[in-house]
Amino acid sequence: MSRASHPVANFFPLMTGQEFDALVDDVREHGLREAIWLHQDGRIVDGRNRYRACVEAGVDPAFQTYIGPDDSLTAFVVSMNLKRRHLDESQCAMVAARIADMPQGARTDLAQICAMSQDEAADKLQVSRRSVQHAAKVLKEGAEEIVGAVDQGAVKVSDAATIVDRGGPRISDRCGRWDPTFMRRISRDGEATEFFGGLQGESRVRGFEG
């Protein structure tokens, strides 16, 4: 049976590629080492990746129910993930920005669970407020590929914010190129100035497409 995820589980990015494949192989060989945590309503609050790995590996998942108060749920999920996953500062900043953004979201039932300022979220994730501000910009204005690149640790959040500031949507529309190497390249001051200035002419864009 497929299980839904609680919104707090979405603060942390899903594993992809080789990282997720390695988890599947480990679960297949050794079984599930750590139970998947559920909210009392049955939704997953911690362990989306472990659940997916169990399904992929054909292993029966084990569950444990979180019985603490909802206003401690965010702290619980952050603690569980920080001690288990090796996220860099940019990835943690993205998590912090998602947490800080929740009270302004459409899900008003989460406001009491997740209400937290950028300063508080930065402190909880042990990152600078500046990096959280960069992450908030990327989440609000960046293309899906840019967000994904930071979430997966391929691009620094400061570089991603620079791309967004300098016309990210125009790159996507005209070039269709969002691979991490390309993003890191155009985030550098010299190459960014040349590239974004070149977006004013189609001939310059075609030069980067090649």
N, C-alpha and C. Protein backbone atom coordinates (compact mmCIF):
# COMPACT_ATOMS: atom_id res chain seq x y z
N MET A 1 0.85 -1.20 0.00
CA MET A 1 0.00 0.00 0.00
C MET A 1 0.88 1.25 0.00
N SER A 2 0.58 2.16 -0.88
CA SER A 2 1.34 3.40 -0.95
C SER A 2 0.97 4.31 0.22
N ARG A 3 1.97 4.98 0.79
CA ARG A 3 1.72 5.86 1.92
C ARG A 3 2.01 7.31 1.53
N ALA A 4 1.13 8.20 1.97
CA ALA A 4 1.34 9.62 1.74
C ALA A 4 2.37 10.16 2.71
N SER A 5 2.98 11.28 2.34
CA SER A 5 3.96 11.93 3.19
C SER A 5 3.35 13.16 3.85
N HIS A 6 3.69 13.37 5.10
CA HIS A 6 3.31 14.59 5.79
C HIS A 6 4.14 15.73 5.21
N PRO A 7 3.60 16.95 5.13
CA PRO A 7 4.38 18.06 4.55
C PRO A 7 5.74 18.30 5.19
N VAL A 8 5.91 17.99 6.47
CA VAL A 8 7.23 18.22 7.08
C VAL A 8 8.29 17.30 6.49
N ALA A 9 7.87 16.16 5.95
CA ALA A 9 8.83 15.25 5.32
C ALA A 9 9.42 15.84 4.06
N ASN A 10 8.72 16.82 3.47
CA ASN A 10 9.17 17.41 2.22
C ASN A 10 10.22 18.49 2.41
N PHE A 11 10.55 18.81 3.66
CA PHE A 11 11.61 19.79 3.89
C PHE A 11 12.94 19.31 3.33
N PHE A 12 13.18 18.02 3.40
CA PHE A 12 14.45 17.45 2.95
C PHE A 12 14.27 16.83 1.57
N PRO A 13 15.26 16.99 0.69
CA PRO A 13 15.13 16.48 -0.68
C PRO A 13 15.16 14.97 -0.74
N LEU A 14 14.47 14.43 -1.73
CA LEU A 14 14.53 12.99 -1.98
C LEU A 14 15.89 12.61 -2.54
N MET A 15 16.35 11.42 -2.21
CA MET A 15 17.56 10.89 -2.81
C MET A 15 17.30 10.54 -4.27
N THR A 16 18.33 10.70 -5.09
CA THR A 16 18.21 10.34 -6.50
C THR A 16 19.48 9.63 -6.95
N GLY A 17 19.44 9.07 -8.13
CA GLY A 17 20.63 8.52 -8.77
C GLY A 17 21.36 7.48 -7.94
N GLN A 18 22.68 7.57 -7.94
CA GLN A 18 23.51 6.56 -7.29
C GLN A 18 23.28 6.50 -5.79
N GLU A 19 22.99 7.65 -5.18
CA GLU A 19 22.74 7.66 -3.73
C GLU A 19 21.53 6.80 -3.39
N PHE A 20 20.45 6.96 -4.15
CA PHE A 20 19.26 6.16 -3.88
C PHE A 20 19.48 4.70 -4.26
N ASP A 21 20.17 4.45 -5.36
CA ASP A 21 20.46 3.07 -5.77
C ASP A 21 21.25 2.34 -4.69
N ALA A 22 22.19 3.04 -4.05
CA ALA A 22 22.98 2.43 -2.99
C ALA A 22 22.10 2.09 -1.79
N LEU A 23 21.13 2.95 -1.49
CA LEU A 23 20.21 2.66 -0.39
C LEU A 23 19.36 1.45 -0.70
N VAL A 24 18.87 1.35 -1.93
CA VAL A 24 18.07 0.19 -2.34
C VAL A 24 18.88 -1.09 -2.20
N ASP A 25 20.13 -1.07 -2.66
CA ASP A 25 20.99 -2.25 -2.56
C ASP A 25 21.22 -2.64 -1.11
N ASP A 26 21.41 -1.65 -0.25
CA ASP A 26 21.64 -1.93 1.17
C ASP A 26 20.40 -2.55 1.81
N VAL A 27 19.24 -2.01 1.50
CA VAL A 27 17.99 -2.55 2.05
C VAL A 27 17.74 -3.96 1.53
N ARG A 28 18.03 -4.17 0.27
CA ARG A 28 17.85 -5.49 -0.32
C ARG A 28 18.76 -6.53 0.34
N GLU A 29 19.99 -6.13 0.67
CA GLU A 29 20.96 -7.05 1.24
C GLU A 29 20.81 -7.23 2.75
N HIS A 30 20.52 -6.13 3.45
CA HIS A 30 20.54 -6.17 4.92
C HIS A 30 19.17 -5.94 5.56
N GLY A 31 18.18 -5.62 4.75
CA GLY A 31 16.89 -5.27 5.32
C GLY A 31 16.88 -3.81 5.77
N LEU A 32 15.74 -3.37 6.26
CA LEU A 32 15.61 -1.98 6.71
C LEU A 32 16.25 -1.84 8.08
N ARG A 33 17.25 -0.98 8.18
CA ARG A 33 18.00 -0.84 9.43
C ARG A 33 17.32 0.10 10.41
N GLU A 34 16.56 1.04 9.90
CA GLU A 34 15.91 2.04 10.76
C GLU A 34 14.46 2.19 10.34
N ALA A 35 13.56 2.11 11.30
CA ALA A 35 12.12 2.16 11.00
C ALA A 35 11.73 3.49 10.39
N ILE A 36 10.65 3.47 9.65
CA ILE A 36 10.08 4.67 9.04
C ILE A 36 9.12 5.29 10.04
N TRP A 37 9.27 6.60 10.27
CA TRP A 37 8.44 7.27 11.26
C TRP A 37 7.16 7.80 10.62
N LEU A 38 6.04 7.51 11.29
CA LEU A 38 4.73 7.95 10.83
C LEU A 38 4.12 8.95 11.81
N HIS A 39 3.33 9.86 11.26
CA HIS A 39 2.47 10.70 12.10
C HIS A 39 1.33 9.82 12.60
N GLN A 40 0.65 10.28 13.60
CA GLN A 40 -0.47 9.49 14.13
C GLN A 40 -1.60 9.34 13.11
N ASP A 41 -1.61 10.19 12.08
CA ASP A 41 -2.62 10.04 11.03
C ASP A 41 -2.18 9.08 9.93
N GLY A 42 -0.97 8.48 10.09
CA GLY A 42 -0.51 7.47 9.14
C GLY A 42 0.42 7.97 8.06
N ARG A 43 0.60 9.29 7.95
CA ARG A 43 1.50 9.82 6.93
C ARG A 43 2.95 9.74 7.39
N ILE A 44 3.84 9.60 6.41
CA ILE A 44 5.27 9.52 6.71
C ILE A 44 5.80 10.90 7.10
N VAL A 45 6.47 10.97 8.25
CA VAL A 45 7.12 12.22 8.65
C VAL A 45 8.64 12.13 8.48
N ASP A 46 9.19 10.94 8.54
CA ASP A 46 10.62 10.74 8.33
C ASP A 46 10.82 9.34 7.74
N GLY A 47 11.48 9.29 6.58
CA GLY A 47 11.76 7.99 5.98
C GLY A 47 11.17 7.78 4.61
N ARG A 48 10.91 8.89 3.88
CA ARG A 48 10.39 8.73 2.52
C ARG A 48 11.35 7.93 1.66
N ASN A 49 12.65 8.20 1.80
CA ASN A 49 13.63 7.47 1.00
C ASN A 49 13.70 6.01 1.39
N ARG A 50 13.65 5.74 2.69
CA ARG A 50 13.68 4.35 3.15
C ARG A 50 12.44 3.59 2.69
N TYR A 51 11.30 4.27 2.69
CA TYR A 51 10.07 3.64 2.22
C TYR A 51 10.16 3.32 0.74
N ARG A 52 10.64 4.27 -0.04
CA ARG A 52 10.80 4.05 -1.48
C ARG A 52 11.78 2.92 -1.74
N ALA A 53 12.85 2.87 -0.95
CA ALA A 53 13.86 1.82 -1.12
C ALA A 53 13.27 0.45 -0.81
N CYS A 54 12.43 0.38 0.23
CA CYS A 54 11.79 -0.89 0.57
C CYS A 54 10.89 -1.37 -0.56
N VAL A 55 10.12 -0.45 -1.12
CA VAL A 55 9.24 -0.80 -2.23
C VAL A 55 10.06 -1.29 -3.42
N GLU A 56 11.14 -0.58 -3.72
CA GLU A 56 12.00 -0.94 -4.86
C GLU A 56 12.68 -2.29 -4.63
N ALA A 57 13.09 -2.54 -3.38
CA ALA A 57 13.82 -3.76 -3.07
C ALA A 57 12.91 -4.95 -2.76
N GLY A 58 11.60 -4.71 -2.66
CA GLY A 58 10.68 -5.78 -2.32
C GLY A 58 10.79 -6.23 -0.88
N VAL A 59 11.11 -5.29 0.02
CA VAL A 59 11.28 -5.59 1.44
C VAL A 59 10.12 -4.96 2.22
N ASP A 60 9.56 -5.70 3.15
CA ASP A 60 8.48 -5.16 3.97
C ASP A 60 9.02 -4.07 4.89
N PRO A 61 8.47 -2.86 4.84
CA PRO A 61 8.98 -1.78 5.69
C PRO A 61 8.50 -1.93 7.13
N ALA A 62 9.29 -1.42 8.04
CA ALA A 62 8.91 -1.38 9.46
C ALA A 62 8.57 0.06 9.81
N PHE A 63 7.56 0.25 10.65
CA PHE A 63 7.09 1.58 10.98
C PHE A 63 7.12 1.83 12.49
N GLN A 64 7.28 3.10 12.83
CA GLN A 64 7.19 3.54 14.20
C GLN A 64 6.40 4.84 14.21
N THR A 65 5.54 5.03 15.19
CA THR A 65 4.66 6.20 15.21
C THR A 65 5.19 7.29 16.13
N TYR A 66 5.26 8.49 15.62
CA TYR A 66 5.66 9.66 16.41
C TYR A 66 4.47 10.04 17.29
N ILE A 67 4.70 10.09 18.58
CA ILE A 67 3.59 10.38 19.51
C ILE A 67 3.80 11.70 20.25
N GLY A 68 4.79 12.47 19.84
CA GLY A 68 5.02 13.76 20.47
C GLY A 68 4.05 14.80 19.96
N PRO A 69 4.14 16.00 20.52
CA PRO A 69 3.24 17.09 20.10
C PRO A 69 3.60 17.59 18.71
N ASP A 70 2.61 18.05 17.98
CA ASP A 70 2.86 18.53 16.62
C ASP A 70 3.79 19.74 16.58
N ASP A 71 3.78 20.56 17.64
CA ASP A 71 4.64 21.73 17.60
C ASP A 71 6.12 21.38 17.78
N SER A 72 6.42 20.11 18.04
CA SER A 72 7.81 19.64 18.10
C SER A 72 8.19 18.79 16.88
N LEU A 73 7.25 18.67 15.94
CA LEU A 73 7.45 17.77 14.81
C LEU A 73 8.59 18.24 13.89
N THR A 74 8.65 19.54 13.63
CA THR A 74 9.72 20.04 12.76
C THR A 74 11.08 19.77 13.38
N ALA A 75 11.23 20.05 14.67
CA ALA A 75 12.50 19.81 15.35
C ALA A 75 12.87 18.33 15.30
N PHE A 76 11.88 17.46 15.44
CA PHE A 76 12.12 16.02 15.38
C PHE A 76 12.63 15.60 14.01
N VAL A 77 11.98 16.07 12.95
CA VAL A 77 12.36 15.69 11.59
C VAL A 77 13.75 16.23 11.25
N VAL A 78 14.03 17.47 11.65
CA VAL A 78 15.35 18.05 11.38
C VAL A 78 16.43 17.25 12.11
N SER A 79 16.19 16.93 13.36
CA SER A 79 17.17 16.18 14.15
C SER A 79 17.44 14.81 13.53
N MET A 80 16.41 14.12 13.13
CA MET A 80 16.56 12.78 12.56
C MET A 80 17.37 12.82 11.27
N ASN A 81 17.12 13.83 10.45
CA ASN A 81 17.80 13.91 9.16
C ASN A 81 19.24 14.41 9.27
N LEU A 82 19.47 15.37 10.14
CA LEU A 82 20.82 15.92 10.26
C LEU A 82 21.81 14.90 10.80
N LYS A 83 21.35 14.04 11.66
CA LYS A 83 22.27 13.06 12.24
C LYS A 83 22.52 11.88 11.28
N ARG A 84 21.65 11.72 10.28
CA ARG A 84 21.75 10.57 9.38
C ARG A 84 22.29 10.93 8.01
N ARG A 85 21.92 12.10 7.50
CA ARG A 85 22.30 12.47 6.14
C ARG A 85 23.45 13.47 6.16
N HIS A 86 24.30 13.37 5.17
CA HIS A 86 25.48 14.24 5.09
C HIS A 86 25.20 15.35 4.07
N LEU A 87 24.47 16.36 4.53
CA LEU A 87 24.10 17.47 3.65
C LEU A 87 25.10 18.61 3.78
N ASP A 88 25.39 19.28 2.67
CA ASP A 88 26.29 20.43 2.73
C ASP A 88 25.50 21.67 3.15
N GLU A 89 26.21 22.79 3.30
CA GLU A 89 25.57 24.01 3.80
C GLU A 89 24.46 24.49 2.87
N SER A 90 24.67 24.37 1.58
CA SER A 90 23.64 24.83 0.63
C SER A 90 22.38 23.99 0.74
N GLN A 91 22.53 22.69 0.86
CA GLN A 91 21.36 21.82 1.01
C GLN A 91 20.62 22.13 2.31
N CYS A 92 21.38 22.36 3.39
CA CYS A 92 20.75 22.70 4.67
C CYS A 92 20.05 24.05 4.59
N ALA A 93 20.62 24.99 3.84
CA ALA A 93 19.99 26.29 3.66
C ALA A 93 18.65 26.15 2.94
N MET A 94 18.57 25.26 1.98
CA MET A 94 17.31 25.02 1.27
C MET A 94 16.26 24.47 2.22
N VAL A 95 16.68 23.56 3.10
CA VAL A 95 15.76 23.02 4.10
C VAL A 95 15.26 24.13 5.01
N ALA A 96 16.19 24.96 5.48
CA ALA A 96 15.83 26.06 6.37
C ALA A 96 14.86 27.02 5.70
N ALA A 97 15.09 27.31 4.44
CA ALA A 97 14.20 28.23 3.71
C ALA A 97 12.80 27.64 3.56
N ARG A 98 12.72 26.34 3.34
CA ARG A 98 11.40 25.70 3.24
C ARG A 98 10.67 25.77 4.58
N ILE A 99 11.40 25.55 5.66
CA ILE A 99 10.78 25.62 6.98
C ILE A 99 10.29 27.03 7.26
N ALA A 100 11.14 28.02 6.99
CA ALA A 100 10.78 29.41 7.28
C ALA A 100 9.63 29.90 6.41
N ASP A 101 9.44 29.29 5.26
CA ASP A 101 8.41 29.72 4.33
C ASP A 101 7.03 29.14 4.66
N MET A 102 6.98 28.11 5.47
CA MET A 102 5.72 27.40 5.68
C MET A 102 4.59 28.26 6.23
N PRO A 103 4.81 29.14 7.21
CA PRO A 103 3.70 29.92 7.73
C PRO A 103 3.02 30.80 6.69
N GLN A 104 3.77 31.18 5.64
CA GLN A 104 3.19 32.01 4.59
C GLN A 104 2.52 31.18 3.50
N GLY A 105 2.58 29.86 3.62
CA GLY A 105 2.03 28.99 2.60
C GLY A 105 0.53 28.82 2.72
N ALA A 106 0.00 28.03 1.81
CA ALA A 106 -1.44 27.82 1.78
C ALA A 106 -1.91 26.89 2.89
N ARG A 107 -1.00 26.05 3.40
CA ARG A 107 -1.40 25.08 4.42
C ARG A 107 -1.41 25.74 5.79
N THR A 108 -2.52 26.39 6.15
CA THR A 108 -2.58 27.11 7.41
C THR A 108 -2.52 26.17 8.61
N ASP A 109 -2.85 24.90 8.44
CA ASP A 109 -2.78 23.95 9.54
C ASP A 109 -1.34 23.67 9.94
N LEU A 110 -0.38 24.04 9.05
CA LEU A 110 1.03 23.81 9.36
C LEU A 110 1.67 25.00 10.06
N ALA A 111 0.97 26.11 10.13
CA ALA A 111 1.58 27.30 10.70
C ALA A 111 2.04 27.07 12.14
N GLN A 112 1.20 26.41 12.93
CA GLN A 112 1.57 26.16 14.32
C GLN A 112 2.69 25.12 14.42
N ILE A 113 2.73 24.19 13.48
CA ILE A 113 3.76 23.15 13.51
C ILE A 113 5.11 23.72 13.09
N CYS A 114 5.11 24.57 12.08
CA CYS A 114 6.36 24.95 11.43
C CYS A 114 6.73 26.42 11.57
N ALA A 115 5.91 27.21 12.27
CA ALA A 115 6.18 28.64 12.35
C ALA A 115 7.58 28.90 12.85
N MET A 116 8.39 29.53 12.00
CA MET A 116 9.79 29.76 12.34
C MET A 116 10.32 30.86 11.43
N SER A 117 11.06 31.79 11.99
CA SER A 117 11.65 32.86 11.18
C SER A 117 12.87 32.32 10.45
N GLN A 118 13.38 33.12 9.50
CA GLN A 118 14.59 32.71 8.80
C GLN A 118 15.76 32.58 9.76
N ASP A 119 15.85 33.50 10.73
CA ASP A 119 16.93 33.42 11.71
C ASP A 119 16.85 32.13 12.52
N GLU A 120 15.63 31.78 12.95
CA GLU A 120 15.45 30.57 13.75
C GLU A 120 15.75 29.32 12.92
N ALA A 121 15.28 29.32 11.68
CA ALA A 121 15.52 28.17 10.81
C ALA A 121 17.01 28.03 10.51
N ALA A 122 17.69 29.15 10.28
CA ALA A 122 19.13 29.12 10.03
C ALA A 122 19.88 28.55 11.23
N ASP A 123 19.47 28.97 12.42
CA ASP A 123 20.11 28.47 13.63
C ASP A 123 19.88 26.97 13.80
N LYS A 124 18.66 26.53 13.53
CA LYS A 124 18.34 25.10 13.70
C LYS A 124 19.11 24.24 12.71
N LEU A 125 19.30 24.74 11.49
CA LEU A 125 20.04 23.97 10.48
C LEU A 125 21.54 24.28 10.50
N GLN A 126 21.95 25.18 11.39
CA GLN A 126 23.37 25.52 11.57
C GLN A 126 23.99 26.10 10.31
N VAL A 127 23.27 27.04 9.69
CA VAL A 127 23.77 27.74 8.51
C VAL A 127 23.58 29.23 8.72
N SER A 128 24.17 30.03 7.86
CA SER A 128 24.04 31.48 7.97
C SER A 128 22.69 31.95 7.45
N ARG A 129 22.24 33.08 7.97
CA ARG A 129 20.99 33.63 7.49
C ARG A 129 21.13 34.04 6.02
N ARG A 130 22.32 34.49 5.65
CA ARG A 130 22.57 34.88 4.26
C ARG A 130 22.30 33.72 3.32
N SER A 131 22.77 32.52 3.68
CA SER A 131 22.56 31.36 2.82
C SER A 131 21.08 31.00 2.75
N VAL A 132 20.35 31.22 3.85
CA VAL A 132 18.91 30.96 3.84
C VAL A 132 18.20 31.96 2.94
N GLN A 133 18.65 33.20 2.94
CA GLN A 133 18.07 34.20 2.05
C GLN A 133 18.32 33.83 0.59
N HIS A 134 19.52 33.35 0.30
CA HIS A 134 19.81 32.88 -1.06
C HIS A 134 18.86 31.74 -1.43
N ALA A 135 18.69 30.80 -0.50
CA ALA A 135 17.84 29.64 -0.75
C ALA A 135 16.39 30.05 -0.98
N ALA A 136 15.92 31.02 -0.20
CA ALA A 136 14.54 31.49 -0.36
C ALA A 136 14.33 32.08 -1.75
N LYS A 137 15.32 32.82 -2.25
CA LYS A 137 15.22 33.38 -3.59
C LYS A 137 15.18 32.27 -4.65
N VAL A 138 16.04 31.27 -4.48
CA VAL A 138 16.09 30.17 -5.44
C VAL A 138 14.76 29.43 -5.45
N LEU A 139 14.21 29.15 -4.28
CA LEU A 139 12.94 28.43 -4.20
C LEU A 139 11.79 29.23 -4.78
N LYS A 140 11.82 30.54 -4.58
CA LYS A 140 10.72 31.38 -5.04
C LYS A 140 10.79 31.69 -6.52
N GLU A 141 12.02 31.92 -7.05
CA GLU A 141 12.16 32.43 -8.41
C GLU A 141 12.90 31.50 -9.36
N GLY A 142 13.57 30.48 -8.83
CA GLY A 142 14.41 29.64 -9.68
C GLY A 142 13.64 28.58 -10.44
N ALA A 143 14.17 28.19 -11.57
CA ALA A 143 13.61 27.09 -12.35
C ALA A 143 13.77 25.78 -11.57
N GLU A 144 12.94 24.83 -11.88
CA GLU A 144 12.96 23.54 -11.18
C GLU A 144 14.34 22.89 -11.22
N GLU A 145 15.02 23.02 -12.36
CA GLU A 145 16.34 22.40 -12.49
C GLU A 145 17.37 23.05 -11.57
N ILE A 146 17.25 24.36 -11.35
CA ILE A 146 18.17 25.04 -10.45
C ILE A 146 17.94 24.58 -9.02
N VAL A 147 16.67 24.53 -8.62
CA VAL A 147 16.32 24.07 -7.27
C VAL A 147 16.85 22.65 -7.05
N GLY A 148 16.62 21.79 -8.03
CA GLY A 148 17.07 20.40 -7.92
C GLY A 148 18.57 20.28 -7.82
N ALA A 149 19.31 21.12 -8.56
CA ALA A 149 20.77 21.06 -8.53
C ALA A 149 21.31 21.42 -7.15
N VAL A 150 20.70 22.40 -6.49
CA VAL A 150 21.13 22.76 -5.14
C VAL A 150 20.72 21.67 -4.15
N ASP A 151 19.50 21.19 -4.28
CA ASP A 151 19.02 20.13 -3.38
C ASP A 151 19.90 18.90 -3.43
N GLN A 152 20.46 18.59 -4.59
CA GLN A 152 21.28 17.40 -4.72
C GLN A 152 22.76 17.67 -4.46
N GLY A 153 23.09 18.90 -4.09
CA GLY A 153 24.47 19.21 -3.74
C GLY A 153 25.38 19.44 -4.92
N ALA A 154 24.81 19.66 -6.11
CA ALA A 154 25.62 19.84 -7.31
C ALA A 154 26.04 21.29 -7.53
N VAL A 155 25.28 22.23 -6.98
CA VAL A 155 25.55 23.65 -7.16
C VAL A 155 25.36 24.36 -5.82
N LYS A 156 26.23 25.33 -5.51
CA LYS A 156 26.10 26.09 -4.27
C LYS A 156 24.89 27.01 -4.36
N VAL A 157 24.25 27.21 -3.22
CA VAL A 157 23.04 28.04 -3.22
C VAL A 157 23.37 29.48 -3.58
N SER A 158 24.55 29.97 -3.24
CA SER A 158 24.93 31.34 -3.60
C SER A 158 25.08 31.47 -5.11
N ASP A 159 25.64 30.45 -5.77
CA ASP A 159 25.76 30.46 -7.23
C ASP A 159 24.37 30.41 -7.88
N ALA A 160 23.49 29.58 -7.33
CA ALA A 160 22.14 29.48 -7.88
C ALA A 160 21.39 30.81 -7.74
N ALA A 161 21.57 31.48 -6.60
CA ALA A 161 20.91 32.77 -6.41
C ALA A 161 21.45 33.80 -7.39
N THR A 162 22.75 33.75 -7.69
CA THR A 162 23.34 34.65 -8.67
C THR A 162 22.71 34.45 -10.05
N ILE A 163 22.52 33.19 -10.41
CA ILE A 163 21.91 32.88 -11.70
C ILE A 163 20.49 33.43 -11.76
N VAL A 164 19.73 33.23 -10.68
CA VAL A 164 18.35 33.73 -10.64
C VAL A 164 18.34 35.25 -10.74
N ASP A 165 19.25 35.90 -9.99
CA ASP A 165 19.32 37.37 -10.02
C ASP A 165 19.62 37.91 -11.41
N ARG A 166 20.41 37.17 -12.16
CA ARG A 166 20.91 37.68 -13.44
C ARG A 166 20.10 37.20 -14.64
N GLY A 167 18.93 36.66 -14.37
CA GLY A 167 18.05 36.34 -15.49
C GLY A 167 17.89 34.88 -15.76
N GLY A 168 17.82 34.06 -14.69
CA GLY A 168 17.69 32.62 -14.85
C GLY A 168 16.61 32.16 -15.80
N PRO A 169 15.38 32.67 -15.68
CA PRO A 169 14.32 32.21 -16.59
C PRO A 169 14.65 32.40 -18.06
N ARG A 170 15.40 33.47 -18.38
CA ARG A 170 15.75 33.72 -19.78
C ARG A 170 16.70 32.65 -20.31
N ILE A 171 17.58 32.16 -19.42
CA ILE A 171 18.50 31.11 -19.86
C ILE A 171 17.70 29.86 -20.22
N SER A 172 16.76 29.52 -19.35
CA SER A 172 15.96 28.32 -19.58
C SER A 172 15.17 28.43 -20.87
N ASP A 173 14.59 29.60 -21.10
CA ASP A 173 13.76 29.81 -22.29
C ASP A 173 14.59 29.72 -23.57
N ARG A 174 15.79 30.28 -23.55
CA ARG A 174 16.54 30.42 -24.79
C ARG A 174 17.59 29.33 -25.01
N CYS A 175 18.11 28.81 -23.90
CA CYS A 175 19.21 27.86 -24.06
C CYS A 175 18.83 26.43 -23.72
N GLY A 176 17.90 26.27 -22.77
CA GLY A 176 17.50 24.92 -22.38
C GLY A 176 18.62 24.14 -21.73
N ARG A 177 19.61 24.82 -21.11
CA ARG A 177 20.75 24.12 -20.52
C ARG A 177 20.81 24.42 -19.03
N TRP A 178 20.67 23.37 -18.22
CA TRP A 178 20.72 23.57 -16.77
C TRP A 178 21.61 22.54 -16.10
N ASP A 179 22.57 21.96 -16.81
CA ASP A 179 23.42 20.99 -16.14
C ASP A 179 24.30 21.72 -15.13
N PRO A 180 24.69 21.05 -14.02
CA PRO A 180 25.43 21.71 -12.95
C PRO A 180 26.71 22.39 -13.39
N THR A 181 27.47 21.79 -14.31
CA THR A 181 28.72 22.40 -14.76
C THR A 181 28.44 23.75 -15.43
N PHE A 182 27.40 23.78 -16.25
CA PHE A 182 27.01 25.02 -16.92
C PHE A 182 26.59 26.07 -15.90
N MET A 183 25.83 25.66 -14.86
CA MET A 183 25.38 26.61 -13.85
C MET A 183 26.55 27.20 -13.08
N ARG A 184 27.50 26.34 -12.69
CA ARG A 184 28.66 26.84 -11.95
C ARG A 184 29.47 27.80 -12.81
N ARG A 185 29.55 27.51 -14.10
CA ARG A 185 30.33 28.34 -15.01
C ARG A 185 29.75 29.74 -15.12
N ILE A 186 28.46 29.84 -15.35
CA ILE A 186 27.88 31.16 -15.59
C ILE A 186 27.62 31.93 -14.31
N SER A 187 27.81 31.29 -13.14
CA SER A 187 27.66 32.02 -11.88
C SER A 187 28.91 32.82 -11.55
N ARG A 188 30.04 32.52 -12.20
CA ARG A 188 31.28 33.26 -11.96
C ARG A 188 31.17 34.66 -12.57
N ASP A 189 31.73 35.62 -11.89
CA ASP A 189 31.53 37.02 -12.27
C ASP A 189 31.88 37.30 -13.73
N GLY A 190 33.08 36.92 -14.15
CA GLY A 190 33.50 37.23 -15.50
C GLY A 190 32.64 36.57 -16.55
N GLU A 191 32.44 35.28 -16.40
CA GLU A 191 31.65 34.55 -17.40
C GLU A 191 30.18 34.92 -17.32
N ALA A 192 29.70 35.25 -16.12
CA ALA A 192 28.30 35.64 -15.99
C ALA A 192 28.05 36.95 -16.73
N THR A 193 28.95 37.92 -16.55
CA THR A 193 28.79 39.21 -17.23
C THR A 193 28.75 39.01 -18.75
N GLU A 194 29.65 38.18 -19.25
CA GLU A 194 29.70 37.92 -20.68
C GLU A 194 28.44 37.21 -21.15
N PHE A 195 28.03 36.20 -20.36
CA PHE A 195 26.89 35.38 -20.78
C PHE A 195 25.58 36.16 -20.75
N PHE A 196 25.30 36.81 -19.59
CA PHE A 196 24.02 37.48 -19.47
C PHE A 196 23.92 38.69 -20.37
N GLY A 197 25.05 39.34 -20.61
CA GLY A 197 25.04 40.40 -21.59
C GLY A 197 24.74 39.86 -22.98
N GLY A 198 25.25 38.68 -23.25
CA GLY A 198 25.04 38.05 -24.55
C GLY A 198 23.62 37.62 -24.79
N LEU A 199 22.83 37.52 -23.72
CA LEU A 199 21.44 37.12 -23.91
C LEU A 199 20.63 38.17 -24.68
N GLN A 200 21.22 39.38 -24.80
CA GLN A 200 20.51 40.39 -25.55
C GLN A 200 20.49 40.09 -27.04
N GLY A 201 21.39 39.21 -27.49
CA GLY A 201 21.42 38.88 -28.92
C GLY A 201 21.34 37.39 -29.14
N GLU A 202 20.50 36.99 -30.06
CA GLU A 202 20.31 35.57 -30.32
C GLU A 202 21.60 34.90 -30.79
N SER A 203 22.45 35.61 -31.48
CA SER A 203 23.68 34.99 -31.97
C SER A 203 24.57 34.59 -30.81
N ARG A 204 24.59 35.40 -29.75
CA ARG A 204 25.40 35.08 -28.59
C ARG A 204 24.86 33.84 -27.88
N VAL A 205 23.53 33.74 -27.80
CA VAL A 205 22.90 32.59 -27.17
C VAL A 205 23.25 31.32 -27.95
N ARG A 206 23.19 31.41 -29.28
CA ARG A 206 23.50 30.23 -30.08
C ARG A 206 24.93 29.77 -29.85
N GLY A 207 25.82 30.70 -29.53
CA GLY A 207 27.19 30.33 -29.23
C GLY A 207 27.30 29.46 -27.99
N PHE A 208 26.47 29.69 -26.98
CA PHE A 208 26.49 28.87 -25.78
C PHE A 208 25.73 27.55 -25.97
N GLU A 209 24.80 27.56 -26.89
CA GLU A 209 24.08 26.32 -27.16
C GLU A 209 24.99 25.28 -27.78
N GLY A 210 25.97 25.71 -28.52
CA GLY A 210 26.86 24.77 -29.17
C GLY A 210 27.86 24.19 -28.22
